Amino acid sequence: MAAREPGGTPLGEAIREVVLSRSDLEIPPRAELLLMLAARAAFVRDVVRPALEGGRVVVADRYSLSTLAYQGYARGLPLRDVRDAVRVATEGLEPDLYVVLDLPAEEGRARQERDGRAADRIEEAGLDFLRRVREGYLELARTEPRVRVVDARGTPEEVHERILRVLAAEFPETFDGAGPRA
């Protein structure tokens, strides 16, 4: 199953609306962290755990690594505090693998503009902030064993193929390089 985070639950979607769309609100970094983790706690309880208990694979577009990159590295909150708070929200549930799609901030912004997508409240923090997020992800990839970085430059088909190669290498019993096995 695929899910987005923050979101994926009624509470998570409400928090997503506040955190990403309410540019009129000043949300201090610690409050942003706690809002994201409230959404994650609901996501783990209502979506992830039931899916895993039912024998399903869960693919989410964000999880704890994003909190470390955004609120830890980019917002400057102490990583130890962020890790501790994440552990409370997730009850220690960690994914088998994080796939980080790496793209320079300038290229990401250019894609967003080309596609006509407006920046959300977090993206409005600017390119320097987005560069810190990227560096956070890359540092986490260097220090965390379950993180793989995939170059996100190129066509969607090229990036998809790179992701499939990583999945096939990490989960050969499930992926043959062409996609999931039936």
N, C-alpha and C. Protein backbone atom coordinates (compact mmCIF):
# COMPACT_ATOMS: atom_id res chain seq x y z
N MET A 1 0.83 -1.17 0.00
CA MET A 1 0.00 0.00 0.00
C MET A 1 0.88 1.23 0.00
N ALA A 2 0.42 2.28 -0.61
CA ALA A 2 1.15 3.55 -0.66
C ALA A 2 0.37 4.58 0.16
N ALA A 3 1.11 5.43 0.85
CA ALA A 3 0.47 6.45 1.68
C ALA A 3 1.36 7.68 1.75
N ARG A 4 0.75 8.81 2.05
CA ARG A 4 1.56 10.02 2.20
C ARG A 4 1.61 10.42 3.67
N GLU A 5 2.69 11.12 3.98
CA GLU A 5 2.90 11.49 5.37
C GLU A 5 3.66 12.80 5.41
N PRO A 6 3.23 13.89 6.07
CA PRO A 6 2.07 13.85 6.94
C PRO A 6 0.79 13.71 6.14
N GLY A 7 -0.13 13.04 6.73
CA GLY A 7 -1.41 12.77 6.08
C GLY A 7 -1.75 11.32 6.28
N GLY A 8 -2.60 10.82 5.39
CA GLY A 8 -2.94 9.41 5.44
C GLY A 8 -4.01 9.05 6.46
N THR A 9 -4.34 9.97 7.35
CA THR A 9 -5.41 9.78 8.33
C THR A 9 -6.16 11.12 8.42
N PRO A 10 -7.38 11.12 8.95
CA PRO A 10 -8.07 12.41 9.10
C PRO A 10 -7.26 13.42 9.93
N LEU A 11 -6.68 12.97 11.05
CA LEU A 11 -5.86 13.87 11.85
C LEU A 11 -4.63 14.33 11.06
N GLY A 12 -3.97 13.41 10.41
CA GLY A 12 -2.78 13.74 9.63
C GLY A 12 -3.07 14.73 8.52
N GLU A 13 -4.21 14.58 7.85
CA GLU A 13 -4.57 15.51 6.78
C GLU A 13 -4.86 16.89 7.34
N ALA A 14 -5.51 16.97 8.50
CA ALA A 14 -5.77 18.27 9.12
C ALA A 14 -4.46 18.95 9.51
N ILE A 15 -3.54 18.19 10.07
CA ILE A 15 -2.23 18.74 10.44
C ILE A 15 -1.47 19.15 9.19
N ARG A 16 -1.53 18.34 8.15
CA ARG A 16 -0.88 18.67 6.88
C ARG A 16 -1.35 20.02 6.37
N GLU A 17 -2.65 20.24 6.44
CA GLU A 17 -3.22 21.51 5.99
C GLU A 17 -2.62 22.68 6.77
N VAL A 18 -2.52 22.54 8.08
CA VAL A 18 -1.97 23.62 8.91
C VAL A 18 -0.48 23.81 8.61
N VAL A 19 0.28 22.74 8.63
CA VAL A 19 1.73 22.84 8.51
C VAL A 19 2.18 23.27 7.12
N LEU A 20 1.51 22.82 6.08
CA LEU A 20 1.97 23.12 4.73
C LEU A 20 1.25 24.30 4.08
N SER A 21 0.01 24.54 4.44
CA SER A 21 -0.77 25.54 3.71
C SER A 21 -1.00 26.85 4.45
N ARG A 22 -0.79 26.87 5.71
CA ARG A 22 -1.12 28.07 6.49
C ARG A 22 0.10 28.98 6.63
N SER A 23 0.43 29.66 5.53
CA SER A 23 1.56 30.60 5.53
C SER A 23 1.31 31.79 6.44
N ASP A 24 0.05 32.01 6.80
CA ASP A 24 -0.28 33.13 7.68
C ASP A 24 0.07 32.84 9.14
N LEU A 25 0.36 31.59 9.45
CA LEU A 25 0.71 31.23 10.83
C LEU A 25 2.22 31.17 10.99
N GLU A 26 2.69 31.71 12.09
CA GLU A 26 4.09 31.51 12.44
C GLU A 26 4.14 30.24 13.29
N ILE A 27 4.80 29.22 12.77
CA ILE A 27 4.91 27.96 13.49
C ILE A 27 6.37 27.78 13.89
N PRO A 28 6.69 27.96 15.17
CA PRO A 28 8.07 27.80 15.61
C PRO A 28 8.56 26.37 15.35
N PRO A 29 9.87 26.18 15.18
CA PRO A 29 10.41 24.86 14.86
C PRO A 29 9.96 23.73 15.78
N ARG A 30 9.94 23.94 17.09
CA ARG A 30 9.51 22.87 18.00
C ARG A 30 8.03 22.54 17.82
N ALA A 31 7.22 23.56 17.59
CA ALA A 31 5.80 23.32 17.35
C ALA A 31 5.61 22.56 16.03
N GLU A 32 6.39 22.93 15.01
CA GLU A 32 6.33 22.22 13.73
C GLU A 32 6.70 20.75 13.92
N LEU A 33 7.76 20.50 14.68
CA LEU A 33 8.18 19.13 14.98
C LEU A 33 7.04 18.35 15.64
N LEU A 34 6.45 18.93 16.66
CA LEU A 34 5.40 18.22 17.39
C LEU A 34 4.16 18.00 16.54
N LEU A 35 3.82 18.95 15.69
CA LEU A 35 2.69 18.75 14.76
C LEU A 35 2.98 17.59 13.80
N MET A 36 4.16 17.59 13.22
CA MET A 36 4.54 16.51 12.31
C MET A 36 4.49 15.16 13.02
N LEU A 37 4.94 15.14 14.25
CA LEU A 37 4.97 13.87 14.98
C LEU A 37 3.59 13.44 15.45
N ALA A 38 2.69 14.38 15.69
CA ALA A 38 1.31 14.02 16.00
C ALA A 38 0.69 13.34 14.77
N ALA A 39 0.95 13.89 13.60
CA ALA A 39 0.45 13.27 12.36
C ALA A 39 1.06 11.88 12.18
N ARG A 40 2.35 11.75 12.49
CA ARG A 40 3.02 10.46 12.32
C ARG A 40 2.49 9.42 13.30
N ALA A 41 2.23 9.83 14.53
CA ALA A 41 1.70 8.89 15.52
C ALA A 41 0.37 8.32 15.05
N ALA A 42 -0.49 9.17 14.52
CA ALA A 42 -1.78 8.70 13.99
C ALA A 42 -1.56 7.80 12.78
N PHE A 43 -0.61 8.17 11.92
CA PHE A 43 -0.29 7.39 10.72
C PHE A 43 0.19 5.99 11.09
N VAL A 44 1.08 5.91 12.08
CA VAL A 44 1.59 4.61 12.50
C VAL A 44 0.46 3.77 13.10
N ARG A 45 -0.33 4.37 13.98
CA ARG A 45 -1.40 3.64 14.65
C ARG A 45 -2.50 3.19 13.67
N ASP A 46 -2.94 4.09 12.79
CA ASP A 46 -4.12 3.83 11.97
C ASP A 46 -3.82 3.22 10.60
N VAL A 47 -2.59 3.41 10.10
CA VAL A 47 -2.28 2.95 8.74
C VAL A 47 -1.18 1.89 8.73
N VAL A 48 -0.03 2.24 9.27
CA VAL A 48 1.15 1.38 9.12
C VAL A 48 1.02 0.08 9.90
N ARG A 49 0.76 0.17 11.19
CA ARG A 49 0.69 -1.07 11.99
C ARG A 49 -0.38 -2.03 11.48
N PRO A 50 -1.61 -1.56 11.21
CA PRO A 50 -2.61 -2.51 10.68
C PRO A 50 -2.18 -3.13 9.35
N ALA A 51 -1.55 -2.36 8.49
CA ALA A 51 -1.10 -2.91 7.21
C ALA A 51 -0.02 -3.97 7.44
N LEU A 52 0.95 -3.67 8.27
CA LEU A 52 2.02 -4.64 8.54
C LEU A 52 1.48 -5.89 9.22
N GLU A 53 0.56 -5.70 10.15
CA GLU A 53 -0.05 -6.86 10.81
C GLU A 53 -0.85 -7.71 9.84
N GLY A 54 -1.34 -7.10 8.76
CA GLY A 54 -2.05 -7.82 7.71
C GLY A 54 -1.13 -8.39 6.65
N GLY A 55 0.18 -8.29 6.85
CA GLY A 55 1.14 -8.86 5.92
C GLY A 55 1.38 -8.02 4.67
N ARG A 56 1.01 -6.75 4.71
CA ARG A 56 1.18 -5.89 3.54
C ARG A 56 2.47 -5.08 3.62
N VAL A 57 2.96 -4.67 2.48
CA VAL A 57 4.12 -3.79 2.37
C VAL A 57 3.59 -2.36 2.37
N VAL A 58 4.26 -1.48 3.10
CA VAL A 58 3.86 -0.08 3.15
C VAL A 58 4.97 0.76 2.52
N VAL A 59 4.58 1.61 1.58
CA VAL A 59 5.49 2.58 0.98
C VAL A 59 4.92 3.95 1.28
N ALA A 60 5.70 4.78 1.94
CA ALA A 60 5.26 6.13 2.29
C ALA A 60 6.24 7.15 1.73
N ASP A 61 5.72 8.31 1.36
CA ASP A 61 6.60 9.32 0.77
C ASP A 61 7.38 10.12 1.80
N ARG A 62 7.11 9.96 3.07
CA ARG A 62 7.88 10.59 4.14
C ARG A 62 7.81 9.67 5.37
N TYR A 63 8.79 9.85 6.24
CA TYR A 63 8.75 9.18 7.53
C TYR A 63 9.80 9.85 8.41
N SER A 64 10.37 9.15 9.33
CA SER A 64 11.23 9.75 10.35
C SER A 64 12.46 10.44 9.77
N LEU A 65 13.02 9.93 8.71
CA LEU A 65 14.20 10.54 8.13
C LEU A 65 13.91 11.98 7.71
N SER A 66 12.72 12.23 7.19
CA SER A 66 12.37 13.59 6.78
C SER A 66 12.31 14.52 7.99
N THR A 67 11.86 14.03 9.12
CA THR A 67 11.81 14.85 10.33
C THR A 67 13.23 15.22 10.77
N LEU A 68 14.14 14.28 10.70
CA LEU A 68 15.53 14.58 11.05
C LEU A 68 16.12 15.60 10.08
N ALA A 69 15.84 15.45 8.79
CA ALA A 69 16.39 16.38 7.79
C ALA A 69 15.77 17.77 7.92
N TYR A 70 14.45 17.84 8.01
CA TYR A 70 13.78 19.14 8.03
C TYR A 70 13.87 19.84 9.39
N GLN A 71 13.39 19.18 10.43
CA GLN A 71 13.33 19.85 11.71
C GLN A 71 14.67 19.79 12.45
N GLY A 72 15.46 18.75 12.22
CA GLY A 72 16.77 18.65 12.84
C GLY A 72 17.81 19.47 12.09
N TYR A 73 18.21 18.99 10.94
CA TYR A 73 19.28 19.66 10.20
C TYR A 73 18.88 21.05 9.71
N ALA A 74 17.74 21.19 9.08
CA ALA A 74 17.40 22.48 8.46
C ALA A 74 16.85 23.50 9.46
N ARG A 75 16.02 23.06 10.40
CA ARG A 75 15.46 24.01 11.39
C ARG A 75 16.39 24.19 12.59
N GLY A 76 17.39 23.30 12.72
CA GLY A 76 18.38 23.48 13.77
C GLY A 76 18.01 22.93 15.13
N LEU A 77 16.98 22.09 15.21
CA LEU A 77 16.65 21.47 16.49
C LEU A 77 17.68 20.39 16.80
N PRO A 78 18.01 20.17 18.06
CA PRO A 78 19.00 19.14 18.42
C PRO A 78 18.57 17.76 17.93
N LEU A 79 19.45 17.11 17.19
CA LEU A 79 19.11 15.80 16.61
C LEU A 79 18.73 14.78 17.67
N ARG A 80 19.39 14.82 18.80
CA ARG A 80 19.05 13.86 19.87
C ARG A 80 17.60 14.05 20.32
N ASP A 81 17.17 15.30 20.49
CA ASP A 81 15.79 15.58 20.88
C ASP A 81 14.82 15.13 19.80
N VAL A 82 15.16 15.40 18.55
CA VAL A 82 14.29 15.00 17.44
C VAL A 82 14.17 13.48 17.40
N ARG A 83 15.30 12.78 17.53
CA ARG A 83 15.27 11.30 17.52
C ARG A 83 14.42 10.76 18.66
N ASP A 84 14.58 11.33 19.84
CA ASP A 84 13.78 10.87 20.98
C ASP A 84 12.29 11.09 20.74
N ALA A 85 11.93 12.24 20.22
CA ALA A 85 10.52 12.54 19.95
C ALA A 85 9.97 11.63 18.86
N VAL A 86 10.77 11.35 17.84
CA VAL A 86 10.35 10.44 16.78
C VAL A 86 10.07 9.06 17.35
N ARG A 87 10.94 8.60 18.24
CA ARG A 87 10.77 7.27 18.84
C ARG A 87 9.46 7.18 19.61
N VAL A 88 9.09 8.26 20.30
CA VAL A 88 7.81 8.29 21.01
C VAL A 88 6.65 8.21 20.02
N ALA A 89 6.71 9.01 18.97
CA ALA A 89 5.60 9.06 17.99
C ALA A 89 5.42 7.75 17.25
N THR A 90 6.52 7.08 16.93
CA THR A 90 6.45 5.86 16.11
C THR A 90 6.45 4.58 16.93
N GLU A 91 6.58 4.73 18.24
CA GLU A 91 6.74 3.57 19.13
C GLU A 91 7.92 2.71 18.68
N GLY A 92 8.94 3.38 18.13
CA GLY A 92 10.15 2.70 17.70
C GLY A 92 10.06 2.00 16.36
N LEU A 93 8.95 2.11 15.66
CA LEU A 93 8.79 1.44 14.37
C LEU A 93 9.66 2.10 13.32
N GLU A 94 10.56 1.34 12.74
CA GLU A 94 11.47 1.83 11.71
C GLU A 94 11.25 1.08 10.41
N PRO A 95 11.41 1.75 9.29
CA PRO A 95 11.27 1.06 8.01
C PRO A 95 12.48 0.17 7.72
N ASP A 96 12.26 -0.78 6.84
CA ASP A 96 13.37 -1.63 6.40
C ASP A 96 14.34 -0.84 5.53
N LEU A 97 13.82 0.18 4.83
CA LEU A 97 14.64 0.94 3.90
C LEU A 97 14.07 2.33 3.69
N TYR A 98 14.97 3.31 3.63
CA TYR A 98 14.63 4.67 3.19
C TYR A 98 15.28 4.85 1.83
N VAL A 99 14.54 5.35 0.87
CA VAL A 99 15.10 5.73 -0.42
C VAL A 99 15.01 7.25 -0.50
N VAL A 100 16.17 7.89 -0.57
CA VAL A 100 16.24 9.34 -0.67
C VAL A 100 16.44 9.70 -2.13
N LEU A 101 15.49 10.46 -2.68
CA LEU A 101 15.62 10.94 -4.05
C LEU A 101 16.38 12.26 -3.99
N ASP A 102 17.60 12.26 -4.47
CA ASP A 102 18.49 13.41 -4.34
C ASP A 102 18.42 14.31 -5.56
N LEU A 103 18.15 15.58 -5.30
CA LEU A 103 18.07 16.59 -6.35
C LEU A 103 18.51 17.91 -5.75
N PRO A 104 19.42 18.62 -6.41
CA PRO A 104 19.78 19.95 -5.88
C PRO A 104 18.54 20.82 -5.72
N ALA A 105 18.55 21.65 -4.69
CA ALA A 105 17.39 22.49 -4.37
C ALA A 105 16.97 23.35 -5.56
N GLU A 106 17.94 23.88 -6.29
CA GLU A 106 17.62 24.73 -7.43
C GLU A 106 16.86 23.95 -8.51
N GLU A 107 17.26 22.72 -8.75
CA GLU A 107 16.56 21.89 -9.74
C GLU A 107 15.16 21.54 -9.27
N GLY A 108 15.02 21.26 -7.99
CA GLY A 108 13.70 20.96 -7.45
C GLY A 108 12.76 22.15 -7.59
N ARG A 109 13.27 23.33 -7.28
CA ARG A 109 12.46 24.55 -7.40
C ARG A 109 12.09 24.78 -8.87
N ALA A 110 13.04 24.58 -9.78
CA ALA A 110 12.76 24.77 -11.22
C ALA A 110 11.68 23.79 -11.69
N ARG A 111 11.74 22.55 -11.25
CA ARG A 111 10.69 21.58 -11.62
C ARG A 111 9.33 22.02 -11.10
N GLN A 112 9.33 22.48 -9.87
CA GLN A 112 8.09 22.92 -9.24
C GLN A 112 7.48 24.08 -10.04
N GLU A 113 8.30 25.03 -10.41
CA GLU A 113 7.81 26.18 -11.18
C GLU A 113 7.35 25.76 -12.56
N ARG A 114 8.12 24.87 -13.21
CA ARG A 114 7.76 24.38 -14.54
C ARG A 114 6.41 23.66 -14.52
N ASP A 115 6.16 22.93 -13.43
CA ASP A 115 4.89 22.20 -13.30
C ASP A 115 3.76 23.07 -12.78
N GLY A 116 4.05 24.34 -12.48
CA GLY A 116 3.02 25.25 -12.02
C GLY A 116 2.55 25.00 -10.59
N ARG A 117 3.41 24.37 -9.77
CA ARG A 117 3.05 24.09 -8.38
C ARG A 117 3.60 25.18 -7.48
N ALA A 118 2.75 25.74 -6.66
CA ALA A 118 3.17 26.78 -5.72
C ALA A 118 3.94 26.14 -4.57
N ALA A 119 4.85 26.92 -4.00
CA ALA A 119 5.60 26.46 -2.83
C ALA A 119 4.66 26.39 -1.62
N ASP A 120 4.84 25.35 -0.79
CA ASP A 120 4.07 25.27 0.44
C ASP A 120 4.77 26.10 1.53
N ARG A 121 4.20 26.15 2.73
CA ARG A 121 4.75 26.97 3.80
C ARG A 121 6.20 26.61 4.12
N ILE A 122 6.52 25.34 4.11
CA ILE A 122 7.88 24.92 4.43
C ILE A 122 8.82 25.29 3.28
N GLU A 123 8.42 25.06 2.05
CA GLU A 123 9.27 25.39 0.90
C GLU A 123 9.49 26.90 0.78
N GLU A 124 8.56 27.68 1.30
CA GLU A 124 8.70 29.14 1.27
C GLU A 124 9.85 29.63 2.15
N ALA A 125 10.43 28.75 2.94
CA ALA A 125 11.58 29.12 3.76
C ALA A 125 12.80 29.45 2.90
N GLY A 126 12.77 29.08 1.62
CA GLY A 126 13.81 29.50 0.69
C GLY A 126 14.83 28.43 0.33
N LEU A 127 15.66 28.80 -0.65
CA LEU A 127 16.65 27.86 -1.18
C LEU A 127 17.71 27.48 -0.14
N ASP A 128 18.13 28.42 0.69
CA ASP A 128 19.13 28.07 1.72
C ASP A 128 18.59 27.00 2.66
N PHE A 129 17.33 27.15 3.05
CA PHE A 129 16.69 26.15 3.90
C PHE A 129 16.64 24.80 3.17
N LEU A 130 16.22 24.80 1.91
CA LEU A 130 16.12 23.56 1.14
C LEU A 130 17.50 22.92 0.93
N ARG A 131 18.52 23.73 0.80
CA ARG A 131 19.88 23.19 0.70
C ARG A 131 20.27 22.48 2.01
N ARG A 132 19.89 23.08 3.15
CA ARG A 132 20.18 22.44 4.45
C ARG A 132 19.42 21.12 4.58
N VAL A 133 18.18 21.08 4.08
CA VAL A 133 17.41 19.84 4.09
C VAL A 133 18.16 18.78 3.30
N ARG A 134 18.59 19.13 2.09
CA ARG A 134 19.31 18.17 1.24
C ARG A 134 20.58 17.69 1.92
N GLU A 135 21.35 18.61 2.48
CA GLU A 135 22.58 18.21 3.18
C GLU A 135 22.26 17.31 4.37
N GLY A 136 21.17 17.58 5.04
CA GLY A 136 20.75 16.71 6.14
C GLY A 136 20.47 15.30 5.66
N TYR A 137 19.72 15.20 4.58
CA TYR A 137 19.44 13.88 4.02
C TYR A 137 20.73 13.16 3.62
N LEU A 138 21.65 13.88 2.98
CA LEU A 138 22.89 13.25 2.53
C LEU A 138 23.76 12.83 3.72
N GLU A 139 23.78 13.64 4.77
CA GLU A 139 24.52 13.26 5.97
C GLU A 139 23.88 12.03 6.62
N LEU A 140 22.57 12.00 6.69
CA LEU A 140 21.88 10.83 7.24
C LEU A 140 22.18 9.59 6.40
N ALA A 141 22.24 9.76 5.09
CA ALA A 141 22.56 8.62 4.22
C ALA A 141 23.96 8.09 4.49
N ARG A 142 24.87 8.99 4.87
CA ARG A 142 26.25 8.56 5.18
C ARG A 142 26.33 7.85 6.53
N THR A 143 25.38 8.13 7.43
CA THR A 143 25.51 7.62 8.80
C THR A 143 24.47 6.58 9.19
N GLU A 144 23.42 6.45 8.43
CA GLU A 144 22.34 5.51 8.75
C GLU A 144 22.41 4.31 7.81
N PRO A 145 22.40 3.10 8.32
CA PRO A 145 22.57 1.92 7.47
C PRO A 145 21.40 1.61 6.54
N ARG A 146 20.20 2.07 6.85
CA ARG A 146 19.03 1.71 6.03
C ARG A 146 18.68 2.76 4.98
N VAL A 147 19.61 3.63 4.63
CA VAL A 147 19.33 4.72 3.70
C VAL A 147 20.09 4.50 2.40
N ARG A 148 19.38 4.60 1.28
CA ARG A 148 20.00 4.55 -0.04
C ARG A 148 19.62 5.83 -0.78
N VAL A 149 20.60 6.42 -1.45
CA VAL A 149 20.38 7.65 -2.21
C VAL A 149 20.26 7.31 -3.68
N VAL A 150 19.24 7.88 -4.31
CA VAL A 150 19.00 7.70 -5.74
C VAL A 150 19.04 9.08 -6.39
N ASP A 151 19.82 9.19 -7.45
CA ASP A 151 19.89 10.44 -8.22
C ASP A 151 18.52 10.70 -8.84
N ALA A 152 17.91 11.84 -8.52
CA ALA A 152 16.56 12.15 -9.01
C ALA A 152 16.59 13.02 -10.26
N ARG A 153 17.77 13.23 -10.83
CA ARG A 153 17.85 13.98 -12.08
C ARG A 153 17.48 13.06 -13.23
N GLY A 154 16.94 13.66 -14.28
CA GLY A 154 16.56 12.88 -15.45
C GLY A 154 15.05 12.76 -15.56
N THR A 155 14.64 11.89 -16.47
CA THR A 155 13.20 11.70 -16.70
C THR A 155 12.59 10.87 -15.58
N PRO A 156 11.28 10.96 -15.40
CA PRO A 156 10.63 10.10 -14.41
C PRO A 156 10.93 8.61 -14.66
N GLU A 157 11.00 8.22 -15.91
CA GLU A 157 11.29 6.81 -16.23
C GLU A 157 12.70 6.42 -15.79
N GLU A 158 13.67 7.32 -15.98
CA GLU A 158 15.05 7.03 -15.56
C GLU A 158 15.14 6.91 -14.03
N VAL A 159 14.48 7.81 -13.34
CA VAL A 159 14.49 7.79 -11.87
C VAL A 159 13.79 6.52 -11.37
N HIS A 160 12.66 6.19 -11.98
CA HIS A 160 11.93 4.97 -11.62
C HIS A 160 12.82 3.74 -11.78
N GLU A 161 13.56 3.67 -12.86
CA GLU A 161 14.46 2.54 -13.10
C GLU A 161 15.55 2.47 -12.02
N ARG A 162 16.08 3.62 -11.63
CA ARG A 162 17.10 3.64 -10.56
C ARG A 162 16.52 3.13 -9.24
N ILE A 163 15.30 3.56 -8.95
CA ILE A 163 14.64 3.10 -7.71
C ILE A 163 14.44 1.59 -7.76
N LEU A 164 13.97 1.07 -8.88
CA LEU A 164 13.76 -0.37 -9.00
C LEU A 164 15.06 -1.15 -8.80
N ARG A 165 16.17 -0.62 -9.31
CA ARG A 165 17.47 -1.29 -9.13
C ARG A 165 17.83 -1.36 -7.65
N VAL A 166 17.59 -0.27 -6.91
CA VAL A 166 17.87 -0.27 -5.47
C VAL A 166 16.97 -1.28 -4.77
N LEU A 167 15.69 -1.28 -5.10
CA LEU A 167 14.76 -2.22 -4.47
C LEU A 167 15.14 -3.67 -4.79
N ALA A 168 15.54 -3.93 -6.01
CA ALA A 168 15.94 -5.29 -6.39
C ALA A 168 17.18 -5.72 -5.62
N ALA A 169 18.11 -4.80 -5.41
CA ALA A 169 19.32 -5.13 -4.66
C ALA A 169 19.02 -5.36 -3.18
N GLU A 170 18.12 -4.57 -2.63
CA GLU A 170 17.80 -4.65 -1.20
C GLU A 170 16.82 -5.77 -0.87
N PHE A 171 15.90 -6.04 -1.80
CA PHE A 171 14.85 -7.04 -1.56
C PHE A 171 14.76 -7.99 -2.75
N PRO A 172 15.81 -8.79 -3.01
CA PRO A 172 15.81 -9.65 -4.20
C PRO A 172 14.68 -10.68 -4.19
N GLU A 173 14.19 -11.03 -3.00
CA GLU A 173 13.11 -12.01 -2.93
C GLU A 173 11.78 -11.42 -3.40
N THR A 174 11.70 -10.10 -3.47
CA THR A 174 10.45 -9.42 -3.82
C THR A 174 10.52 -8.73 -5.18
N PHE A 175 11.70 -8.16 -5.50
CA PHE A 175 11.85 -7.41 -6.74
C PHE A 175 12.86 -8.08 -7.63
N ASP A 176 12.53 -8.14 -8.91
CA ASP A 176 13.46 -8.73 -9.87
C ASP A 176 14.11 -7.66 -10.75
N GLY A 177 13.94 -6.38 -10.42
CA GLY A 177 14.50 -5.30 -11.22
C GLY A 177 13.48 -4.73 -12.19
N ALA A 178 12.47 -5.48 -12.52
CA ALA A 178 11.45 -4.99 -13.44
C ALA A 178 10.21 -4.56 -12.67
N GLY A 179 10.22 -4.81 -11.38
CA GLY A 179 9.05 -4.46 -10.56
C GLY A 179 8.78 -5.55 -9.55
N PRO A 180 7.75 -5.38 -8.75
CA PRO A 180 7.44 -6.38 -7.75
C PRO A 180 7.01 -7.69 -8.40
N ARG A 181 7.37 -8.78 -7.75
CA ARG A 181 6.92 -10.10 -8.23
C ARG A 181 5.52 -10.36 -7.74
N ALA A 182 4.75 -11.01 -8.56
CA ALA A 182 3.35 -11.32 -8.19
C ALA A 182 3.28 -12.38 -7.14
